[in-house]
Amino acid sequence: MTSNTTTWTPLCVEGAYMGTDARFGDHRGYFQELFHKDKYPAQVHPANGTPQVSLSHSHRGVLRGIHCSAYAKLITIVKGAIYDVIVDLRKDSPTFRRWCAVVVSSENRRQLHIPAGCGHGFVCLEDADMLYLQSGCMDPLTEMDLDPFDPTLGVHWPKLDDFPEYTMSDKDRKAPAFLEREQFKGTISDEAAAAGPLKRVLVIGASGQVGGALVEAYGAENVIGTYSKVPCDGMVQFDLEAAATDPALAADLMTIAARRSCASACGARTVYYSTDYVFEGDTPGRIYAESDPVGPVNVYGSSKLAGEAAVLAEDPASLVLRTTGVFGPEKQGKNFGYQLLNAVADKRSMACATDSFGSPTYNRDLAAMTVGLLEANATGVYHCVGPETMHRHAFATLIAETLGLDAALITSVDSDT
């Protein structure tokens, strides 16, 4: 019952946050803070104080929403459990039309910060009491309702076995659809409206070069992406390195691993990117096929191979894509091409191996191969690489010559030196 840690995590709707409160308990019961101006992050502070505090009680099977207010809300479940949904209805937001869902209960101690201008709705999984800390007062003239089942938004609502239909107010049942509201007319094209709701493509590491290419291929509005160090609009921070030393973040990682089986159950697909380092690479001139025996010779290759096995064991319909020498445009400018350009621009020499071969792969091509394989319902292991094989020095020279740079600064070495 006792947890001395309060944590806050950004959600995939811009400006929305999930908090887990500290709870101090003993044989008498527990004490829990529901708001503290010095302990809660500024992002979840009520912008105009707390002019209204509200309490609602709902029975299991009740669906409320989608309701949109001009002020922010901080909600807590003091008894029971709900499936809570936040929908981004801010036309200038990078996550416009995206929704997220979180189970909030008195047991899991979660709170949600719902930004002003976002829609909010929930289904009661148990009889529930919800406490609202509001940064504004409820004014019927400024409130907006939307159809919770509008296919343009595509919100998923859980089904309850003992309730064939949700218990709803007449007002919520008759709420207008998204595109019937005057303020949303013209916000999306006829083609986008006909296509239905936004896709929900989760890209771990969307700020990197492969992730960025996938965001471009699917469209940023369709991608729920994560970043580690470099913030990106509309993305959620997820630091794999920090998870190695933070038990709470490590638990999040395990949750994502569990989602692979959930993805399979709902018809989604998992794609895992691997490497040519799963092979020994000790035979000159050998081109490896997917069916060739693996034999990693370093920790990186071994860890990638273990990842392949784990993903395919969890869901045999997953895709494992082995690639190598990925290059191309990326926001962070860290790949081999950028390193070479920076060195040559600074008149520094750069040593490149002549005995290390691969097939340089353009990141946009890799994204296109990924999309194509998914659309073809391919499963299993595929080698997804560029059309030519060359050593590192030849690749570096080709980049320099293509861009009119001084290739003389590129020196050749053995990989062992």
Foldseek 3Di string as FASTA:
>chain_A
DFDQDKDWFDDLFPLKIKIAWGWADDPVGIDTDLDDPVPDDPSQAQPQHQPDKDKDKDAAQAKDFQKAAQWKKKKAWCAAKKWKKKAACDLPALQHLAMDIDIGHNVRRMIMIHGHRITIMIGGNHTIMMMIRISDDDDVVRMATAAPPAQQSPDDDDDDPVPPHGDYDPCNNPHYHQCVDPVCPPSDDPVSSVVTYAAEAEEEALQWLLNVLLCVVRPVNNYAYEHDPDDDGSYTHQHPVVLVVDVVSVVVVVVVLVCLLVCVVVVHEAEAEAEPQQAPPPDPPDDDFPPDDGDHDDPRNVVRVVVQVSSCVSPQLYEYEYEDQEDEDGDVQDGPLSVLVVCLVVVAAAEFEQSAKHAHAYSNQVSVVVVVCVVVSHGDYHYRGHDDMGGGLVVSLVSQVVVVTDSVSYHYDHPVD
